[in-house]
Amino acid sequence: MPTPSIDVAAPSAARPPPSRPAVALLAAALFASAAACSSSGAGAVTSPDAAPIDAALGDAPAALTWHHDVRPIVEARCAGCHVSGGFAPFALQSYGDAFDKRDVMAIALAGKLMPPWPPNDACNAYTHDRSITDAQRATMIDWARGPAVEGDPATFTALPADPLTTIRVDKTLKMATAYTPIETPDEYRCFVMDWNEATTKYVTGFDVRPGLTPIVHHAIAFLVGPADVATVTSMDAADPAPGYKCFGGVGVNAASWLGAWAPGAMPSSFPASSGLEVAPGSKIVLQLHYNTASAAAGPDQTSVDLQLADAVAVKGAVLKFTNPSWVLNHTMNIKAGDPDSVQSFMVDPSPYLSRFVGGALTDGMPFRIHSAALHMHSRGVKGTLQIVHADGSRDCALQIDDWSFHWQGTYELQKALQFKPGDQLGIECHFDDSGARQPLVSGMPLSVADANWGETTEDEMCLGVFYVTP
């Protein structure tokens, strides 16, 4: 989505720096309202420790100004979510907005809660990176804990930004009926969308338009082939409300990701003149994560925009990668009380490639990885997706060191990775089943118990999702 402009509204009346107890209370409020946007692990929300608070209270350089030093960073990295009516709990569209929220900004930045960008940048480089450098973080903290001067608007210079991605909208799929979430603060629900194309089409671009932006935390569109349509339509019919309850997936193992969206995301175009095939008789299932921690529940009718083609030069595919034994034999044993249960799997998938991607690619052939996503549930702590080449060298596709189920997405590689037969694709997931990250049901943590593969709140997953082409 386009980056909103930021105005130069005047601040509220100046006030003295807050006391340390006041900032501690402010920190607790921040954590309660913005937990879903943070990159910390899912689980009980706690106040930050003294170190981030102290960092927000010391002396700061007086030369920093909003327009020259801070506004460029905010506009480039924060304004996608922190807009009026957006998902974030407050806007940062003006000097007045930032001045009023400078204490919260300092705490969130010092605690590295914001901006949320889960990938470890030492692993790989991605397009549309929302992270900030250590120097930028220090600049924002120093400004917020100092006199927070506005400065001269004429000194503002925008940071270099990724070129805006746009797609041609050929088809829009909209929830048939608006839905108002009833579970707080988080609810996951799936909505079946009709696909009425009479001929085979290829999806070459994807975007999501939230209906009620402040409560739509993320969305994943799944492609369900004709053979599995009856399963999702029966689940939809069995639930009297619009859609049906879902968590880890949509209830069909063969469903593949069509696209994912989170606040601040731009429309995505598939690379290398490629696209995903959608057969007549298919359905699209939109899984929505609603969060009402900082906004009241209301009717939502989110829609999906798609760019289509009748043919593509390169047929792409979504490779869902995991250990088949975890799924079929429930061998992903996570023992109750284990604070670091490590589950890993490595294999050369090329001899069986067509089975991994539903026949979209040919067995025994090389392929290119263009994007990567990791999927675990609430007990997940960290995970890695990588290629181990036949010569022993490694290419990291994605590494997330502080997993949050509430902030997951697909990360497009700046440069595609090449996989050749004889290489191995690897996945490793770490889980904490000691009680610190227990799933919440009706706001209460579940009792500590063994966990295994499954789609419910009580279960876990260790899944890699790649967009691949020949």
Protein backbone atom coordinates (compact mmCIF):
# COMPACT_ATOMS: atom_id res chain seq x y z
CA MET A 1 0.00 0.00 0.00
CA PRO A 2 1.23 3.56 -0.57
CA THR A 3 3.06 5.18 2.32
CA PRO A 4 0.79 7.87 3.82
CA SER A 5 2.01 11.43 3.88
CA ILE A 6 2.92 12.96 7.21
CA ASP A 7 1.78 16.48 8.09
CA VAL A 8 3.26 19.02 10.42
CA ALA A 9 0.47 19.51 12.95
CA ALA A 10 1.41 21.31 16.16
CA PRO A 11 1.96 19.28 19.33
CA SER A 12 -0.13 19.30 22.44
CA ALA A 13 1.01 21.67 25.16
CA ALA A 14 4.52 20.87 26.34
CA ARG A 15 4.76 18.98 29.60
CA PRO A 16 7.61 17.96 31.88
CA PRO A 17 9.28 14.58 31.42
CA PRO A 18 7.24 11.83 33.11
CA SER A 19 8.35 10.17 36.31
CA ARG A 20 9.82 6.67 36.21
CA PRO A 21 6.63 5.10 37.74
CA ALA A 22 4.52 6.89 35.15
CA VAL A 23 6.65 5.49 32.34
CA ALA A 24 6.41 2.01 33.83
CA LEU A 25 2.61 2.27 33.76
CA LEU A 26 2.81 3.59 30.22
CA ALA A 27 4.93 0.59 29.26
CA ALA A 28 2.34 -1.81 30.62
CA ALA A 29 -0.35 -0.07 28.58
CA LEU A 30 1.77 -0.28 25.47
CA PHE A 31 2.35 -3.99 25.89
CA ALA A 32 -1.36 -4.64 26.46
CA SER A 33 -2.47 -2.72 23.38
CA ALA A 34 0.30 -3.60 20.94
CA ALA A 35 1.18 -7.20 21.84
CA ALA A 36 -0.17 -8.52 18.57
CA CYS A 37 2.10 -6.21 16.57
CA SER A 38 5.27 -7.08 18.46
CA SER A 39 7.84 -9.65 17.43
CA SER A 40 7.95 -11.22 20.86
CA GLY A 41 6.71 -14.74 21.39
CA ALA A 42 3.05 -15.54 21.92
CA GLY A 43 2.18 -15.97 25.54
CA ALA A 44 1.51 -13.95 28.64
CA VAL A 45 2.07 -10.23 28.17
CA THR A 46 4.48 -8.70 30.68
CA SER A 47 5.92 -5.27 31.32
CA PRO A 48 9.45 -4.58 30.03
CA ASP A 49 12.36 -4.82 32.41
CA ALA A 50 14.12 -1.83 33.88
CA ALA A 51 16.81 -1.57 31.20
CA PRO A 52 14.54 -0.39 28.36
CA ILE A 53 12.75 1.99 30.73
CA ASP A 54 16.03 3.46 31.96
CA ALA A 55 17.16 3.84 28.36
CA ALA A 56 14.08 5.97 27.73
CA LEU A 57 14.77 8.35 30.62
CA GLY A 58 18.37 9.56 30.41
CA ASP A 59 19.81 12.68 28.87
CA ALA A 60 19.67 13.02 25.11
CA PRO A 61 21.36 15.14 22.46
CA ALA A 62 19.53 18.43 21.95
CA ALA A 63 20.36 18.78 18.23
CA LEU A 64 17.98 16.07 16.97
CA THR A 65 14.72 17.29 15.40
CA TRP A 66 11.54 15.60 14.21
CA HIS A 67 11.65 16.77 10.61
CA HIS A 68 15.36 16.29 9.95
CA ASP A 69 16.14 13.13 11.95
CA VAL A 70 13.03 11.22 13.02
CA ARG A 71 10.27 11.87 10.51
CA PRO A 72 12.21 10.25 7.61
CA ILE A 73 12.50 6.99 9.60
CA VAL A 74 8.88 7.05 10.74
CA GLU A 75 7.58 7.73 7.26
CA ALA A 76 9.69 4.96 5.72
CA ARG A 77 9.25 2.28 8.38
CA CYS A 78 6.27 3.02 10.66
CA ALA A 79 3.57 4.84 8.73
CA GLY A 80 2.28 1.72 7.00
CA CYS A 81 0.56 0.69 10.26
CA HIS A 82 0.59 3.86 12.40
CA VAL A 83 -2.09 5.78 10.49
CA SER A 84 -5.48 7.09 11.52
CA GLY A 85 -7.87 4.14 11.32
CA GLY A 86 -5.01 1.70 10.83
CA PHE A 87 -4.20 -1.46 12.74
CA ALA A 88 -1.67 0.12 15.12
CA PRO A 89 -3.10 1.49 18.40
CA PHE A 90 -2.11 5.09 17.55
CA ALA A 91 -1.13 7.20 14.56
CA LEU A 92 2.30 8.73 13.88
CA GLN A 93 1.32 11.01 11.03
CA SER A 94 2.42 14.33 12.48
CA TYR A 95 4.88 15.94 14.86
CA GLY A 96 2.00 16.29 17.32
CA ASP A 97 1.27 12.55 17.16
CA ALA A 98 4.91 11.66 17.78
CA PHE A 99 5.39 14.25 20.54
CA ASP A 100 2.37 12.94 22.44
CA LYS A 101 3.53 9.33 22.10
CA ARG A 102 7.28 9.90 22.53
CA ASP A 103 7.45 7.99 25.85
CA VAL A 104 5.74 4.96 24.31
CA MET A 105 7.99 5.21 21.26
CA ALA A 106 11.13 5.22 23.41
CA ILE A 107 10.06 2.13 25.37
CA ALA A 108 8.95 0.17 22.30
CA LEU A 109 12.13 1.01 20.42
CA ALA A 110 14.46 0.34 23.35
CA GLY A 111 12.80 -3.02 23.93
CA LYS A 112 13.05 -3.77 20.18
CA LEU A 113 9.32 -4.39 20.02
CA MET A 114 8.93 -2.09 17.06
CA PRO A 115 9.05 -2.10 14.15
CA PRO A 116 8.13 -5.78 13.85
CA TRP A 117 10.45 -7.56 11.42
CA PRO A 118 11.00 -11.20 12.45
CA PRO A 119 13.67 -12.34 9.91
CA ASN A 120 17.31 -12.35 10.96
CA ASP A 121 19.00 -10.17 8.33
CA ALA A 122 22.21 -12.19 8.66
CA CYS A 123 20.34 -15.05 6.97
CA ASN A 124 19.32 -13.33 3.75
CA ALA A 125 18.07 -10.08 2.20
CA TYR A 126 14.38 -9.51 1.46
CA THR A 127 12.32 -7.00 -0.45
CA HIS A 128 10.16 -4.51 1.49
CA ASP A 129 12.28 -4.87 4.63
CA ARG A 130 10.54 -3.04 7.52
CA SER A 131 13.50 -3.20 9.92
CA ILE A 132 15.56 -0.22 11.07
CA THR A 133 19.29 0.00 11.73
CA ASP A 134 20.78 0.29 15.20
CA ALA A 135 21.74 3.89 14.39
CA GLN A 136 18.19 4.74 13.35
CA ARG A 137 16.82 3.14 16.51
CA ALA A 138 19.25 5.16 18.65
CA THR A 139 18.28 8.38 16.85
CA MET A 140 14.59 7.85 17.53
CA ILE A 141 15.17 6.95 21.19
CA ASP A 142 17.45 9.94 21.75
CA TRP A 143 14.91 12.30 20.20
CA ALA A 144 12.03 10.84 22.22
CA ARG A 145 13.83 11.04 25.58
CA GLY A 146 15.18 14.52 24.93
CA PRO A 147 13.37 17.81 24.31
CA ALA A 148 11.72 16.27 21.20
CA VAL A 149 12.20 19.39 19.07
CA GLU A 150 10.11 19.80 15.92
CA GLY A 151 12.67 21.63 13.79
CA ASP A 152 12.20 23.10 10.34
CA PRO A 153 9.93 21.19 7.91
CA ALA A 154 12.22 22.32 5.09
CA THR A 155 14.98 20.06 6.46
CA PHE A 156 12.96 16.90 5.84
CA THR A 157 14.46 14.49 3.31
CA ALA A 158 12.71 11.21 2.60
CA LEU A 159 14.74 8.03 2.93
CA PRO A 160 15.20 5.89 -0.17
CA ALA A 161 12.23 3.57 -0.31
CA ASP A 162 11.34 0.39 -2.14
CA PRO A 163 9.46 1.18 -5.33
CA LEU A 164 5.75 0.83 -4.74
CA THR A 165 4.41 -2.46 -6.04
CA THR A 166 1.13 -2.30 -7.92
CA ILE A 167 -0.92 -5.00 -9.57
CA ARG A 168 -3.56 -4.95 -12.23
CA VAL A 169 -6.78 -6.00 -10.50
CA ASP A 170 -8.53 -8.54 -12.73
CA LYS A 171 -10.63 -10.22 -10.09
CA THR A 172 -11.82 -9.27 -6.62
CA LEU A 173 -13.06 -11.91 -4.17
CA LYS A 174 -15.03 -10.59 -1.22
CA MET A 175 -16.39 -12.28 1.89
CA ALA A 176 -19.99 -13.15 1.08
CA THR A 177 -21.23 -11.79 4.42
CA ALA A 178 -19.70 -9.42 6.94
CA TYR A 179 -18.49 -11.04 10.15
CA THR A 180 -18.02 -9.52 13.61
CA PRO A 181 -15.43 -11.32 15.79
CA ILE A 182 -16.77 -12.69 19.06
CA GLU A 183 -13.56 -14.00 20.66
CA THR A 184 -11.11 -11.65 22.35
CA PRO A 185 -8.43 -10.60 21.87
CA ASP A 186 -7.64 -13.02 19.03
CA GLU A 187 -9.87 -14.97 16.70
CA TYR A 188 -8.98 -17.04 13.63
CA ARG A 189 -11.70 -17.66 11.08
CA CYS A 190 -11.88 -19.04 7.54
CA PHE A 191 -14.17 -17.79 4.78
CA VAL A 192 -14.87 -19.78 1.61
CA MET A 193 -14.81 -17.69 -1.57
CA ASP A 194 -16.28 -18.88 -4.86
CA TRP A 195 -14.10 -19.23 -7.94
CA ASN A 196 -16.38 -18.91 -10.98
CA GLU A 197 -13.83 -18.99 -13.79
CA ALA A 198 -14.77 -21.51 -16.48
CA THR A 199 -11.21 -21.97 -17.75
CA THR A 200 -7.82 -22.46 -16.13
CA LYS A 201 -6.32 -19.19 -14.90
CA TYR A 202 -2.98 -18.22 -13.38
CA VAL A 203 -2.69 -15.88 -10.42
CA THR A 204 0.23 -13.53 -11.03
CA GLY A 205 -0.43 -10.87 -8.38
CA PHE A 206 -2.08 -10.68 -4.96
CA ASP A 207 -3.32 -8.08 -2.49
CA VAL A 208 -5.73 -7.87 0.44
CA ARG A 209 -8.08 -5.01 1.28
CA PRO A 210 -9.17 -5.25 4.92
CA GLY A 211 -12.79 -4.41 5.58
CA LEU A 212 -12.31 -3.12 9.14
CA THR A 213 -8.60 -2.27 9.15
CA PRO A 214 -8.04 -1.76 12.92
CA ILE A 215 -8.94 -5.39 13.74
CA VAL A 216 -7.53 -7.31 10.75
CA HIS A 217 -4.10 -8.45 11.92
CA HIS A 218 -3.15 -10.75 9.08
CA ALA A 219 -4.68 -12.74 6.23
CA ILE A 220 -3.65 -15.87 4.34
CA ALA A 221 -5.44 -16.95 1.17
CA PHE A 222 -5.42 -20.70 0.51
CA LEU A 223 -6.10 -22.41 -2.81
CA VAL A 224 -8.35 -25.47 -2.42
CA GLY A 225 -8.52 -27.72 -5.48
CA PRO A 226 -11.74 -29.26 -6.81
CA ALA A 227 -11.07 -32.59 -5.06
CA ASP A 228 -11.18 -30.93 -1.61
CA VAL A 229 -13.92 -28.36 -2.14
CA ALA A 230 -16.57 -30.56 -0.48
CA THR A 231 -14.52 -30.66 2.72
CA VAL A 232 -14.30 -26.89 3.19
CA THR A 233 -17.87 -26.23 2.08
CA SER A 234 -19.16 -28.80 4.60
CA MET A 235 -17.18 -27.12 7.41
CA ASP A 236 -18.58 -23.78 6.30
CA ALA A 237 -22.15 -25.13 6.26
CA ALA A 238 -21.78 -26.74 9.69
CA ASP A 239 -21.02 -23.39 11.35
CA PRO A 240 -24.13 -21.19 11.71
CA ALA A 241 -22.09 -17.97 11.58
CA PRO A 242 -20.33 -16.71 8.44
CA GLY A 243 -17.23 -18.81 7.76
CA TYR A 244 -15.88 -21.43 10.16
CA LYS A 245 -13.41 -21.54 13.03
CA CYS A 246 -9.85 -22.41 12.03
CA PHE A 247 -6.36 -22.01 13.47
CA GLY A 248 -3.27 -23.65 11.96
CA GLY A 249 -4.75 -24.20 8.52
CA VAL A 250 -8.06 -24.49 6.71
CA GLY A 251 -8.76 -28.15 7.47
CA VAL A 252 -7.36 -29.54 4.19
CA ASN A 253 -3.74 -30.71 4.09
CA ALA A 254 -3.54 -30.32 0.31
CA ALA A 255 -4.53 -26.63 0.39
CA SER A 256 -1.67 -24.39 -0.75
CA TRP A 257 -0.90 -20.78 0.12
CA LEU A 258 -1.95 -18.33 -2.56
CA GLY A 259 -0.70 -15.27 -0.71
CA ALA A 260 -0.27 -13.71 2.72
CA TRP A 261 -0.86 -10.17 3.98
CA ALA A 262 -0.08 -8.20 7.14
CA PRO A 263 -0.57 -4.48 7.94
CA GLY A 264 1.84 -2.37 5.92
CA ALA A 265 2.28 -5.02 3.20
CA MET A 266 2.23 -3.91 -0.43
CA PRO A 267 0.62 -5.78 -3.31
CA SER A 268 2.80 -8.65 -4.47
CA SER A 269 3.56 -9.71 -8.02
CA PHE A 270 4.92 -13.18 -8.59
CA PRO A 271 8.46 -13.22 -10.04
CA ALA A 272 9.94 -14.35 -13.33
CA SER A 273 6.75 -14.01 -15.41
CA SER A 274 5.27 -16.83 -13.38
CA GLY A 275 1.95 -17.62 -11.79
CA LEU A 276 -0.04 -20.15 -9.79
CA GLU A 277 -2.52 -22.32 -11.66
CA VAL A 278 -6.14 -22.28 -10.51
CA ALA A 279 -8.38 -24.93 -12.04
CA PRO A 280 -12.09 -24.44 -12.67
CA GLY A 281 -14.14 -25.70 -9.73
CA SER A 282 -11.59 -24.59 -7.13
CA LYS A 283 -12.32 -22.46 -4.07
CA ILE A 284 -10.28 -19.79 -2.30
CA VAL A 285 -10.35 -19.92 1.51
CA LEU A 286 -9.37 -16.72 3.27
CA GLN A 287 -8.06 -17.20 6.80
CA LEU A 288 -8.28 -14.01 8.85
CA HIS A 289 -6.66 -13.28 12.19
CA TYR A 290 -8.74 -10.71 14.06
CA ASN A 291 -7.23 -8.85 17.01
CA THR A 292 -9.36 -6.58 19.20
CA ALA A 293 -6.73 -5.65 21.81
CA SER A 294 -6.72 -2.00 20.76
CA ALA A 295 -9.92 -1.61 18.72
CA ALA A 296 -13.55 -2.59 19.19
CA ALA A 297 -14.92 -5.53 17.23
CA GLY A 298 -17.18 -4.63 14.34
CA PRO A 299 -18.42 -5.99 11.01
CA ASP A 300 -15.59 -6.90 8.66
CA GLN A 301 -15.89 -7.82 5.00
CA THR A 302 -12.33 -8.20 3.74
CA SER A 303 -11.63 -8.74 0.04
CA VAL A 304 -8.78 -10.14 -2.04
CA ASP A 305 -7.54 -8.55 -5.28
CA LEU A 306 -5.96 -10.81 -7.87
CA GLN A 307 -4.02 -10.23 -11.06
CA LEU A 308 -4.75 -13.04 -13.55
CA ALA A 309 -3.37 -14.43 -16.77
CA ASP A 310 -4.61 -17.05 -19.20
CA ALA A 311 -1.07 -18.37 -19.62
CA VAL A 312 2.36 -17.73 -18.10
CA ALA A 313 5.91 -18.21 -19.32
CA VAL A 314 6.89 -20.03 -16.13
CA LYS A 315 4.51 -22.14 -14.07
CA GLY A 316 5.11 -21.48 -10.38
CA ALA A 317 4.20 -23.60 -7.41
CA VAL A 318 3.89 -23.40 -3.65
CA LEU A 319 6.16 -25.96 -1.99
CA LYS A 320 4.89 -26.87 1.49
CA PHE A 321 7.86 -28.53 3.15
CA THR A 322 7.77 -30.63 6.29
CA ASN A 323 8.58 -34.13 7.51
CA PRO A 324 5.83 -36.43 6.16
CA SER A 325 6.25 -38.64 9.22
CA TRP A 326 5.28 -35.74 11.49
CA VAL A 327 2.00 -35.42 9.59
CA LEU A 328 1.17 -39.06 8.88
CA ASN A 329 2.60 -40.82 11.95
CA HIS A 330 2.56 -38.02 14.53
CA THR A 331 6.27 -38.39 15.29
CA MET A 332 6.86 -34.69 16.07
CA ASN A 333 6.97 -35.46 19.78
CA ILE A 334 7.15 -32.35 21.95
CA LYS A 335 7.38 -33.46 25.56
CA ALA A 336 5.59 -31.64 28.36
CA GLY A 337 8.03 -29.55 30.38
CA ASP A 338 10.73 -29.41 27.69
CA PRO A 339 11.88 -25.79 27.29
CA ASP A 340 13.71 -26.49 24.02
CA SER A 341 12.27 -29.33 21.96
CA VAL A 342 14.14 -29.32 18.65
CA GLN A 343 12.41 -30.79 15.60
CA SER A 344 14.40 -30.94 12.37
CA PHE A 345 14.17 -32.58 8.97
CA MET A 346 16.42 -32.55 5.91
CA VAL A 347 15.94 -34.25 2.56
CA ASP A 348 16.50 -33.85 -1.18
CA PRO A 349 12.90 -33.36 -2.36
CA SER A 350 13.74 -33.32 -6.06
CA PRO A 351 13.02 -37.06 -6.69
CA TYR A 352 9.51 -36.51 -5.24
CA LEU A 353 9.06 -32.88 -6.24
CA SER A 354 5.80 -33.37 -8.12
CA ARG A 355 4.20 -34.83 -4.96
CA PHE A 356 5.29 -31.84 -2.86
CA VAL A 357 3.75 -29.36 -5.34
CA GLY A 358 0.73 -31.28 -6.63
CA GLY A 359 2.30 -32.12 -10.00
CA ALA A 360 3.17 -28.50 -10.83
CA LEU A 361 6.92 -29.26 -11.25
CA THR A 362 8.84 -32.24 -12.65
CA ASP A 363 10.64 -34.82 -10.51
CA GLY A 364 14.43 -34.83 -10.61
CA MET A 365 14.79 -31.27 -11.88
CA PRO A 366 16.40 -28.19 -10.29
CA PHE A 367 14.20 -25.36 -9.04
CA ARG A 368 14.50 -21.81 -7.76
CA ILE A 369 13.20 -20.51 -4.43
CA HIS A 370 11.81 -16.96 -4.61
CA SER A 371 10.17 -16.55 -1.20
CA ALA A 372 10.04 -18.32 2.14
CA ALA A 373 7.66 -18.51 5.10
CA LEU A 374 7.80 -20.40 8.37
CA HIS A 375 4.78 -21.68 10.27
CA MET A 376 4.55 -22.83 13.88
CA HIS A 377 1.94 -22.37 16.59
CA SER A 378 2.11 -20.78 20.05
CA ARG A 379 4.93 -22.90 21.55
CA GLY A 380 7.29 -21.99 18.71
CA VAL A 381 10.45 -20.13 19.75
CA LYS A 382 12.65 -19.98 16.66
CA GLY A 383 13.18 -21.70 13.33
CA THR A 384 15.33 -21.92 10.21
CA LEU A 385 14.84 -22.86 6.56
CA GLN A 386 17.97 -23.56 4.51
CA ILE A 387 19.56 -25.33 1.56
CA VAL A 388 22.57 -27.56 2.21
CA HIS A 389 24.30 -27.97 -1.12
CA ALA A 390 26.01 -31.15 -2.27
CA ASP A 391 29.43 -29.52 -1.74
CA GLY A 392 28.59 -28.76 1.90
CA SER A 393 27.94 -25.04 1.46
CA ARG A 394 24.71 -23.59 2.81
CA ASP A 395 22.19 -20.97 1.75
CA CYS A 396 19.89 -19.65 4.47
CA ALA A 397 16.40 -18.90 3.18
CA LEU A 398 14.78 -17.72 6.42
CA GLN A 399 15.78 -17.54 10.08
CA ILE A 400 13.43 -16.27 12.77
CA ASP A 401 14.99 -16.02 16.23
CA ASP A 402 11.95 -14.80 18.17
CA TRP A 403 8.86 -16.49 16.78
CA SER A 404 5.41 -14.99 17.23
CA PHE A 405 2.38 -16.77 15.84
CA HIS A 406 0.67 -13.40 15.69
CA TRP A 407 3.23 -11.90 13.33
CA GLN A 408 4.00 -14.29 10.50
CA GLY A 409 4.35 -13.66 6.81
CA THR A 410 5.98 -14.54 3.51
CA TYR A 411 9.38 -12.98 2.81
CA GLU A 412 10.42 -12.40 -0.79
CA LEU A 413 14.12 -12.94 -1.41
CA GLN A 414 15.99 -10.18 -3.19
CA LYS A 415 17.83 -12.90 -5.10
CA ALA A 416 16.34 -16.33 -5.76
CA LEU A 417 18.11 -19.40 -4.36
CA GLN A 418 19.03 -22.25 -6.69
CA PHE A 419 18.29 -25.83 -5.61
CA LYS A 420 19.86 -28.69 -7.59
CA PRO A 421 19.27 -32.44 -7.30
CA GLY A 422 21.70 -33.74 -4.68
CA ASP A 423 21.20 -30.69 -2.47
CA GLN A 424 19.09 -30.98 0.68
CA LEU A 425 16.32 -28.76 1.93
CA GLY A 426 16.27 -28.39 5.71
CA ILE A 427 13.85 -27.15 8.34
CA GLU A 428 14.45 -26.80 12.08
CA CYS A 429 11.95 -25.61 14.70
CA HIS A 430 12.44 -25.03 18.43
CA PHE A 431 9.49 -25.30 20.83
CA ASP A 432 9.06 -24.34 24.49
CA ASP A 433 6.59 -26.65 26.24
CA SER A 434 7.63 -25.66 29.76
CA GLY A 435 4.55 -23.49 30.28
CA ALA A 436 5.93 -20.10 29.24
CA ARG A 437 4.30 -20.23 25.80
CA GLN A 438 1.17 -22.26 26.41
CA PRO A 439 -1.68 -21.65 23.95
CA LEU A 440 -4.55 -19.55 25.24
CA VAL A 441 -8.14 -20.81 25.09
CA SER A 442 -10.82 -18.32 26.14
CA GLY A 443 -8.02 -16.16 27.53
CA MET A 444 -6.61 -18.88 29.78
CA PRO A 445 -3.38 -20.85 29.17
CA LEU A 446 -3.76 -24.58 28.62
CA SER A 447 -2.22 -27.00 31.08
CA VAL A 448 1.26 -28.18 30.11
CA ALA A 449 0.96 -31.41 28.11
CA ASP A 450 2.69 -33.32 25.32
CA ALA A 451 2.13 -31.79 21.89
CA ASN A 452 2.31 -33.14 18.36
CA TRP A 453 1.46 -32.18 14.79
CA GLY A 454 -2.06 -30.89 14.21
CA GLU A 455 -4.21 -27.93 13.20
CA THR A 456 -5.89 -27.05 16.50
CA THR A 457 -4.81 -24.56 19.15
CA GLU A 458 -3.49 -27.39 21.33
CA ASP A 459 -1.31 -28.80 18.53
CA GLU A 460 1.90 -27.64 16.84
CA MET A 461 3.39 -27.45 13.35
CA CYS A 462 6.84 -27.08 11.82
CA LEU A 463 6.23 -26.08 8.22
CA GLY A 464 8.17 -24.24 5.53
CA VAL A 465 6.37 -22.63 2.62
CA PHE A 466 8.29 -21.65 -0.53
CA TYR A 467 7.29 -20.09 -3.84
CA VAL A 468 9.29 -21.98 -6.45
CA THR A 469 9.77 -22.05 -10.21
CA PRO A 470 11.74 -24.37 -12.52
